[in-house]
Protein backbone atom coordinates (compact mmCIF):
# COMPACT_ATOMS: atom_id res chain seq x y z
CA MET A 1 -14.08 -5.04 32.99
CA ARG A 2 -12.83 -8.02 31.21
CA PRO A 3 -15.85 -7.99 28.50
CA LEU A 4 -15.45 -4.45 27.61
CA ILE A 5 -11.36 -4.72 27.01
CA THR A 6 -11.93 -7.78 24.70
CA ALA A 7 -14.81 -5.75 22.78
CA ILE A 8 -12.31 -2.79 22.32
CA ALA A 9 -9.69 -4.91 21.24
CA LEU A 10 -11.86 -6.20 18.87
CA ALA A 11 -13.04 -3.20 17.68
CA ALA A 12 -9.14 -1.83 17.30
CA GLY A 13 -8.84 -4.83 15.31
CA LEU A 14 -11.89 -4.33 13.39
CA VAL A 15 -10.18 -0.90 12.11
CA LEU A 16 -6.91 -2.20 11.68
CA GLY A 17 -8.42 -4.84 9.31
CA ALA A 18 -10.29 -2.33 7.59
CA SER A 19 -6.32 -0.56 6.73
CA VAL A 20 -5.35 -3.80 5.99
CA GLN A 21 -7.73 -4.34 3.61
CA ALA A 22 -7.08 -0.75 2.17
CA GLU A 23 -3.32 -2.06 1.57
CA GLY A 24 -4.64 -4.06 -1.49
CA VAL A 25 -2.46 -1.52 -3.26
CA HIS A 26 0.53 -3.55 -2.28
CA LEU A 27 0.97 -5.60 -5.48
CA HIS A 28 0.94 -9.20 -3.49
CA ASN A 29 -2.45 -10.78 -3.17
CA ASP A 30 -3.94 -14.33 -3.71
CA LYS A 31 -4.24 -14.20 -7.70
CA CYS A 32 -0.61 -12.76 -8.56
CA SER A 33 2.46 -11.51 -7.01
CA PHE A 34 4.88 -9.09 -8.04
CA GLY A 35 7.70 -7.14 -6.37
CA THR A 36 10.56 -5.26 -7.24
CA ASP A 37 13.73 -4.10 -5.63
CA TYR A 38 14.20 -0.74 -6.99
CA ASP A 39 12.89 2.72 -6.51
CA VAL A 40 10.97 3.76 -9.89
CA ARG A 41 10.98 7.65 -10.95
CA VAL A 42 9.34 8.48 -14.27
CA GLN A 43 10.37 11.55 -15.79
CA PRO A 44 9.70 12.98 -19.25
CA ASP A 45 13.24 12.33 -20.44
CA GLY A 46 12.63 8.47 -19.07
CA VAL A 47 12.29 6.08 -16.75
CA SER A 48 14.87 5.04 -14.15
CA PHE A 49 15.08 2.57 -11.91
CA GLU A 50 17.65 2.27 -8.80
CA ARG A 51 18.52 0.65 -5.55
CA ASP A 52 21.35 0.62 -3.32
CA ASP A 53 21.98 -3.31 -3.22
CA GLY A 54 22.44 -5.69 -6.12
CA THR A 55 23.74 -5.30 -9.78
CA PRO A 56 22.57 -3.45 -11.90
CA GLY A 57 22.18 -0.68 -9.04
CA GLN A 58 20.86 1.69 -11.80
CA VAL A 59 18.72 1.19 -15.20
CA PHE A 60 17.53 4.02 -17.64
CA MET A 61 15.31 3.73 -20.64
CA HIS A 62 13.96 5.82 -23.01
CA ASP A 63 12.46 5.54 -26.30
CA GLY A 64 13.97 2.13 -27.20
CA ALA A 65 17.70 3.05 -25.80
CA LEU A 66 18.70 1.46 -22.47
CA ARG A 67 21.82 2.38 -20.06
CA VAL A 68 22.37 0.18 -17.10
CA ASP A 69 24.89 1.16 -14.37
CA GLY A 70 25.90 4.56 -16.79
CA ARG A 71 26.75 1.83 -19.58
CA ASP A 72 24.38 2.08 -23.25
CA VAL A 73 23.71 -1.33 -23.81
CA ALA A 74 23.17 -1.76 -27.44
CA VAL A 75 19.72 -3.60 -28.16
CA SER A 76 18.09 -4.89 -31.70
CA ALA A 77 15.21 -2.93 -33.05
CA ALA A 78 12.93 -5.98 -31.53
CA ASP A 79 14.23 -5.27 -28.12
CA ALA A 80 13.89 -1.81 -28.58
CA ALA A 81 10.09 -1.94 -29.13
CA ARG A 82 10.19 -4.01 -26.06
CA LEU A 83 11.71 -1.37 -24.41
CA ARG A 84 9.48 1.08 -25.55
CA GLU A 85 6.33 -0.83 -24.42
CA TYR A 86 7.89 -1.31 -21.21
CA GLU A 87 8.52 2.03 -20.54
CA GLY A 88 5.08 3.04 -21.76
CA ARG A 89 3.42 0.63 -19.55
CA VAL A 90 5.10 1.69 -16.57
CA ARG A 91 4.45 5.25 -16.95
CA ARG A 92 0.49 4.26 -17.07
CA LEU A 93 1.07 1.79 -14.21
CA LEU A 94 2.07 4.46 -11.64
CA PRO A 95 -0.78 6.88 -11.99
CA GLU A 96 -3.22 3.89 -11.25
CA VAL A 97 -1.14 2.72 -8.44
CA ALA A 98 -1.32 6.30 -7.05
CA ALA A 99 -5.35 6.55 -7.31
CA ILE A 100 -5.48 3.39 -5.53
CA ALA A 101 -3.20 4.63 -2.92
CA ARG A 102 -5.42 7.60 -2.45
CA GLU A 103 -8.43 5.68 -2.51
CA GLY A 104 -7.25 3.35 0.26
CA VAL A 105 -5.94 6.11 2.49
CA ASP A 106 -9.48 7.42 2.27
CA ILE A 107 -10.71 3.78 3.25
CA GLY A 108 -8.41 3.51 6.00
CA PHE A 109 -9.37 6.82 7.66
CA GLY A 110 -13.09 6.43 7.04
CA ALA A 111 -12.83 3.47 9.11
CA LEU A 112 -10.89 5.62 11.93
CA THR A 113 -13.78 8.20 11.64
CA THR A 114 -16.62 5.87 12.42
CA VAL A 115 -14.83 4.92 15.56
CA VAL A 116 -14.88 8.53 16.72
CA ALA A 117 -18.41 8.72 15.78
CA THR A 118 -19.09 5.27 17.72
CA PHE A 119 -17.11 6.00 20.99
CA ALA A 120 -16.41 9.69 21.29
CA ASP A 121 -18.87 11.01 23.71
CA GLN A 122 -18.26 14.69 24.16
CA PRO A 123 -18.68 17.22 21.06
CA ALA A 124 -15.75 18.81 22.28
CA GLU A 125 -13.91 15.08 21.86
CA ARG A 126 -15.56 14.24 18.89
CA SER A 127 -14.31 17.76 17.08
CA ARG A 128 -10.52 17.28 18.61
CA LEU A 129 -10.48 13.33 17.43
CA THR A 130 -11.92 14.34 13.80
CA ALA A 131 -9.81 17.20 13.64
CA GLU A 132 -6.52 15.54 14.03
CA LEU A 133 -7.97 12.52 12.09
CA ASN A 134 -8.52 15.20 9.11
CA ALA A 135 -4.85 16.65 9.65
CA GLN A 136 -3.66 13.09 9.46
CA HIS A 137 -5.65 11.97 6.64
CA ARG A 138 -4.27 15.30 4.42
CA GLN A 139 -0.58 14.39 4.95
CA ALA A 140 -1.51 10.94 4.23
CA LEU A 141 -2.64 12.23 0.81
CA ALA A 142 -0.05 14.70 0.34
CA ASN A 143 2.36 11.55 0.71
CA VAL A 144 0.75 10.04 -1.91
CA ASP A 145 0.76 12.78 -4.50
CA ASN A 146 4.43 14.00 -3.47
CA GLY A 147 5.64 10.26 -3.86
CA LEU A 148 3.73 8.43 -6.52
CA GLY A 149 1.56 11.38 -8.25
CA GLN A 150 4.93 12.88 -8.98
CA GLY A 151 5.76 9.57 -10.99
CA VAL A 152 7.74 8.16 -7.88
CA TRP A 153 7.47 4.69 -6.61
CA ARG A 154 9.79 4.28 -3.54
CA LYS A 155 10.28 0.24 -2.46
CA HIS A 156 7.73 -0.30 0.30
CA SER A 157 6.66 3.31 0.28
CA VAL A 158 2.67 1.84 0.09
CA GLU A 159 3.09 -0.46 2.93
CA ASP A 160 5.14 2.29 4.97
CA LEU A 161 2.32 4.81 4.59
CA MET A 162 -0.41 2.50 5.26
CA GLU A 163 1.38 1.49 8.26
CA HIS A 164 2.84 4.44 9.79
CA GLN A 165 -0.01 7.28 8.86
CA VAL A 166 -2.86 5.26 9.23
CA GLY A 167 -1.09 2.90 12.46
CA ASP A 168 -0.47 5.97 14.23
CA ALA A 169 -3.97 7.29 14.22
CA VAL A 170 -5.24 4.29 15.16
CA SER A 171 -3.04 4.17 18.13
CA THR A 172 -3.89 7.27 19.06
CA LEU A 173 -7.82 6.41 18.98
CA VAL A 174 -7.36 3.04 20.80
CA SER A 175 -5.18 5.09 23.85
CA THR A 176 -8.11 7.31 23.56
CA VAL A 177 -11.20 4.22 23.64
CA THR A 178 -8.79 2.22 26.27
CA ALA A 179 -8.90 5.42 28.46
CA GLN A 180 -12.48 5.81 28.40
CA ALA A 181 -13.05 2.06 29.16
CA VAL A 182 -10.88 2.26 32.23
CA LYS A 183 -12.17 5.55 33.41
CA ALA A 184 -15.68 3.74 33.23
CA ALA A 185 -14.69 0.58 34.79
CA LEU A 186 -13.29 2.72 38.05
CA SER A 187 -16.24 4.91 38.36
CA GLY A 188 -17.91 1.58 39.39
CA ASP A 189 -21.08 3.05 37.15
CA GLN A 190 -22.32 0.04 35.43
CA ARG A 191 -24.59 1.97 32.73
CA GLN A 192 -21.31 3.87 31.45
CA VAL A 193 -19.74 0.35 31.33
CA ALA A 194 -22.67 -1.47 29.31
CA ALA A 195 -22.99 1.52 27.09
CA LEU A 196 -19.69 1.37 25.74
CA GLU A 197 -20.19 -2.62 25.20
CA ALA A 198 -22.50 -1.74 23.28
CA ARG A 199 -20.83 0.98 20.98
CA ALA A 200 -18.14 -1.84 20.80
CA GLY A 201 -20.67 -4.27 19.52
CA THR A 202 -22.13 -2.18 17.13
CA LEU A 203 -18.64 -1.21 15.56
CA ASP A 204 -18.69 -4.20 13.32
CA LYS A 205 -21.56 -3.53 11.40
CA ALA A 206 -20.61 0.08 11.23
CA ILE A 207 -17.34 -0.98 9.85
CA ASP A 208 -19.14 -3.10 7.11
CA ARG A 209 -21.53 -0.55 5.97
CA GLU A 210 -18.94 2.19 5.47
CA VAL A 211 -15.78 0.56 4.73
CA ASP A 212 -16.14 -3.24 3.31
CA ALA A 213 -18.05 -2.50 0.01
CA ARG A 214 -15.54 0.21 -0.73
CA ALA A 215 -12.68 -2.10 0.10
CA ASP A 216 -13.83 -5.19 -1.83
CA ARG A 217 -14.19 -2.48 -5.11
CA LEU A 218 -10.48 -1.06 -4.08
CA GLY A 219 -9.48 -5.22 -4.38
CA GLU A 220 -10.71 -5.21 -7.81
CA ARG A 221 -9.15 -2.42 -8.95
CA ALA A 222 -5.91 -3.80 -7.45
CA ASP A 223 -6.32 -6.94 -9.20
CA ALA A 224 -6.50 -5.27 -12.42
CA LEU A 225 -3.13 -3.96 -12.48
CA CYS A 226 -2.11 -7.88 -12.50
CA PRO A 227 -2.15 -8.32 -16.16
CA GLN A 228 -0.05 -5.17 -16.59
CA LEU A 229 2.61 -6.66 -14.44
CA ALA A 230 2.37 -9.98 -16.18
CA ARG A 231 3.01 -8.34 -18.96
CA LEU A 232 5.74 -6.49 -17.91
CA ASP A 233 7.43 -9.60 -16.57
CA GLU A 234 6.27 -11.53 -20.12
CA LEU A 235 8.31 -8.59 -21.81
CA GLN A 236 11.36 -8.96 -19.64
CA GLN A 237 11.55 -12.78 -20.75
CA GLN A 238 11.67 -12.14 -24.26
CA PHE A 239 14.56 -9.47 -23.78
CA GLN A 240 17.39 -10.75 -26.33
CA PHE A 241 20.14 -8.96 -24.61
CA ARG A 242 22.24 -9.40 -21.87
CA LEU A 243 23.49 -7.74 -18.94
CA ARG A 244 27.58 -7.97 -18.48
CA ASP A 245 27.26 -10.86 -16.06
CA GLY A 246 25.05 -12.58 -18.37
CA SER A 247 22.04 -12.64 -17.02
CA ARG A 248 18.65 -10.98 -18.27
CA LEU A 249 17.34 -7.92 -17.22
CA ALA A 250 14.52 -8.35 -14.37
CA LEU A 251 13.38 -4.80 -13.01
CA VAL A 252 9.53 -6.46 -11.82
CA ASP A 253 9.91 -10.22 -10.16
CA ARG A 254 7.14 -12.51 -10.03
CA GLN A 255 6.89 -13.78 -6.26
CA ALA A 256 4.91 -17.04 -4.73
CA GLY A 257 4.29 -14.56 -1.94
CA HIS A 258 5.77 -12.84 1.20
CA ASP A 259 7.27 -15.51 3.14
CA ASN A 260 9.00 -16.69 -0.31
CA GLU A 261 10.28 -13.18 -1.77
CA ALA A 262 14.06 -14.13 -0.57
CA SER A 263 13.69 -17.60 -2.10
CA ALA A 264 12.21 -16.25 -5.54
CA LYS A 265 14.82 -13.60 -6.00
CA THR A 266 17.74 -16.13 -5.64
CA LYS A 267 16.46 -18.93 -7.98
CA PRO A 268 18.43 -19.29 -10.85
CA GLU A 269 17.46 -18.03 -14.04
CA ALA A 270 16.36 -20.85 -16.56
CA ARG A 271 18.84 -20.33 -19.60
């Protein structure tokens, strides 16, 4: 019983690992790390940045004009050009992030489908689990399309998508597989136990074959966003105008990593 439960736990870990790799769409990795406190909305008449906590709370830019917390900000011709470039880059960035998020969802659910094919014995059970996965997959893609696909980036939206949509599906499958393991162990049929253990042992190779190559390509695609985000940060550093408190507008933060996010945000700006 213990070897089988260990194998099942390993199998679950492999699937979760595949989902985490797919979460490379989150703009934090070893090569670059950027974050934002703002929800971003791209519309035909401009791009808005909003947050509930912190100052400024609302920023709107369009065609070189800038409004911060409802107040128009006077900018130079050079800064107007920078703002136009900033807006254009954000407009081009969100569709690419949406495409990456969609691929990440596909990879995560591809891994889960591999688990179903590996462990579901009965055609009826396989059909039921596959139908559930397909419905959850469609819902996850709809969430991407209705958010990022509509030009709306909400803080932590991609992480929440992978954690909740894929995570819920993982929980369902793990409980089903574990129930099979317990049933086989209680039946005393060593052939059933051995068969489940063998399937758990082959899952690693199946995940490698079906998921890893796609996840690697997705990681490369996400890495390609880094220069675009770095350019946004560079433009911010070049802004000559200042906010009411004398600070520079910073909508995207360059961060040392997840563990250092708080310290990066509170680090005083070099003047």
